[in-house]
Protein backbone atom coordinates (compact mmCIF):
# COMPACT_ATOMS: atom_id res chain seq x y z
CA MET A 1 -64.52 -13.03 31.00
CA PRO A 2 -64.15 -14.99 27.73
CA LEU A 3 -62.48 -13.36 24.77
CA SER A 4 -64.42 -12.48 21.67
CA PRO A 5 -63.80 -14.57 18.54
CA ARG A 6 -62.19 -11.59 16.83
CA VAL A 7 -59.64 -11.15 19.63
CA ARG A 8 -58.88 -14.89 19.66
CA GLN A 9 -58.32 -14.85 15.90
CA LYS A 10 -56.02 -11.84 16.15
CA ARG A 11 -53.99 -13.53 18.90
CA ARG A 12 -53.75 -16.71 16.86
CA LEU A 13 -52.47 -14.74 13.88
CA LEU A 14 -49.90 -12.93 16.02
CA ARG A 15 -48.71 -16.32 17.30
CA GLN A 16 -48.10 -17.31 13.69
CA PHE A 17 -45.97 -14.21 13.21
CA ALA A 18 -44.03 -15.09 16.37
CA ALA A 19 -43.43 -18.60 15.04
CA LEU A 20 -42.25 -17.13 11.73
CA GLU A 21 -39.86 -14.86 13.62
CA ARG A 22 -38.42 -17.89 15.43
CA ARG A 23 -38.03 -19.88 12.22
CA VAL A 24 -36.45 -17.03 10.23
CA PRO A 25 -34.38 -14.92 12.66
CA PRO A 26 -32.97 -12.54 10.01
CA ALA A 27 -36.53 -11.44 9.17
CA ARG A 28 -37.47 -10.81 12.80
CA ARG A 29 -36.81 -7.10 12.72
CA LEU A 30 -38.71 -6.54 9.48
CA ILE A 31 -41.69 -8.61 10.65
CA ARG A 32 -41.94 -6.70 13.92
CA LEU A 33 -41.63 -3.39 12.11
CA LEU A 34 -44.39 -4.22 9.63
CA VAL A 35 -46.80 -5.95 12.01
CA ARG A 36 -46.54 -3.95 15.21
CA HIS A 37 -45.22 -0.54 14.31
CA SER A 38 -46.50 0.25 10.81
CA PRO A 39 -49.87 1.81 10.06
CA VAL A 40 -52.34 0.27 7.63
CA VAL A 41 -51.30 2.65 4.84
CA VAL A 42 -47.83 1.06 4.89
CA ARG A 43 -48.82 -2.55 5.55
CA LEU A 44 -51.51 -2.76 2.86
CA PRO A 45 -49.33 -1.74 -0.12
CA VAL A 46 -46.48 -3.97 1.08
CA ALA A 47 -48.89 -6.92 1.36
CA LEU A 48 -50.29 -6.28 -2.11
CA LEU A 49 -46.80 -5.95 -3.61
CA LEU A 50 -45.74 -9.22 -2.00
CA MET A 51 -48.80 -10.98 -3.36
CA CYS A 52 -48.23 -9.56 -6.85
CA GLY A 53 -44.59 -10.65 -6.66
CA GLY A 54 -45.75 -14.12 -5.67
CA LEU A 55 -47.64 -14.39 -8.93
CA PHE A 56 -44.39 -13.93 -10.88
CA ALA A 57 -42.84 -17.15 -9.60
CA VAL A 58 -40.89 -17.70 -12.81
CA LEU A 59 -38.54 -14.80 -12.09
CA PRO A 60 -35.41 -15.57 -10.04
CA PHE A 61 -35.97 -13.52 -6.88
CA LEU A 62 -39.72 -13.28 -6.99
CA GLY A 63 -41.57 -16.44 -6.16
CA LEU A 64 -44.29 -18.28 -4.36
CA TRP A 65 -42.68 -17.53 -0.99
CA MET A 66 -44.00 -13.98 -1.31
CA LEU A 67 -47.66 -14.99 -1.56
CA PRO A 68 -48.07 -16.34 2.00
CA LEU A 69 -46.23 -13.36 3.44
CA GLY A 70 -48.54 -10.99 1.61
CA LEU A 71 -51.58 -12.89 2.85
CA LEU A 72 -50.27 -12.81 6.41
CA LEU A 73 -49.76 -9.05 6.29
CA LEU A 74 -53.16 -8.56 4.70
CA ALA A 75 -54.79 -10.67 7.42
CA VAL A 76 -53.49 -8.29 10.09
CA ASP A 77 -55.86 -5.62 8.81
CA LEU A 78 -58.70 -7.73 7.38
CA PRO A 79 -60.40 -9.77 10.10
CA MET A 80 -62.24 -11.99 7.61
CA LEU A 81 -58.90 -13.42 6.40
CA ARG A 82 -57.50 -14.24 9.84
CA PRO A 83 -58.99 -17.70 10.48
CA GLY A 84 -58.12 -19.08 7.05
CA VAL A 85 -54.64 -17.59 6.85
CA SER A 86 -53.63 -18.64 10.35
CA ALA A 87 -54.97 -22.17 9.76
CA LEU A 88 -53.03 -22.33 6.50
CA MET A 89 -49.85 -21.19 8.26
CA ILE A 90 -50.30 -23.80 10.99
CA ARG A 91 -50.82 -26.57 8.43
CA SER A 92 -47.83 -25.49 6.36
CA ARG A 93 -45.58 -25.33 9.43
CA ARG A 94 -46.67 -28.82 10.47
CA TRP A 95 -46.12 -30.09 6.94
CA MET A 96 -42.62 -28.56 6.81
CA SER A 97 -41.74 -29.97 10.23
CA GLU A 98 -42.84 -33.43 9.14
CA ARG A 99 -40.84 -33.16 5.93
CA LEU A 100 -37.72 -32.08 7.82
CA ARG A 101 -38.16 -34.87 10.35
CA ARG A 102 -38.43 -37.46 7.57
CA LEU A 103 -35.40 -36.02 5.81
CA ARG A 104 -33.31 -36.14 8.99
CA LYS A 105 -34.45 -39.69 9.67
CA LYS A 106 -33.56 -40.68 6.11
CA ARG A 107 -30.08 -39.12 6.42
CA ALA A 108 -29.46 -40.86 9.74
CA TRP A 109 -29.95 -44.23 8.02
CA ALA A 110 -27.64 -43.38 5.11
């Protein structure tokens, strides 16, 4: 029996969280806590705070890194955001991988 589009989108988003856990091991515990074990009333305010913090990129600790995390958490509870956010995460991971590969190649020649 084929899966519904909503279930496929949710699985795709959860795969992005798993990839994020692999890339940033210190954040693994926090990601699992927020995504799998927290109710919406906890996840939603955390997502909104992260997004608001991402808008204050000029401050030292707050920055643009908070905006994608807030969107990811928001997409867990809002199905209409899932396709766009997961596609954006996939593209950004590919872009970062390509950048790192080029940097390593450049260092190998130096």
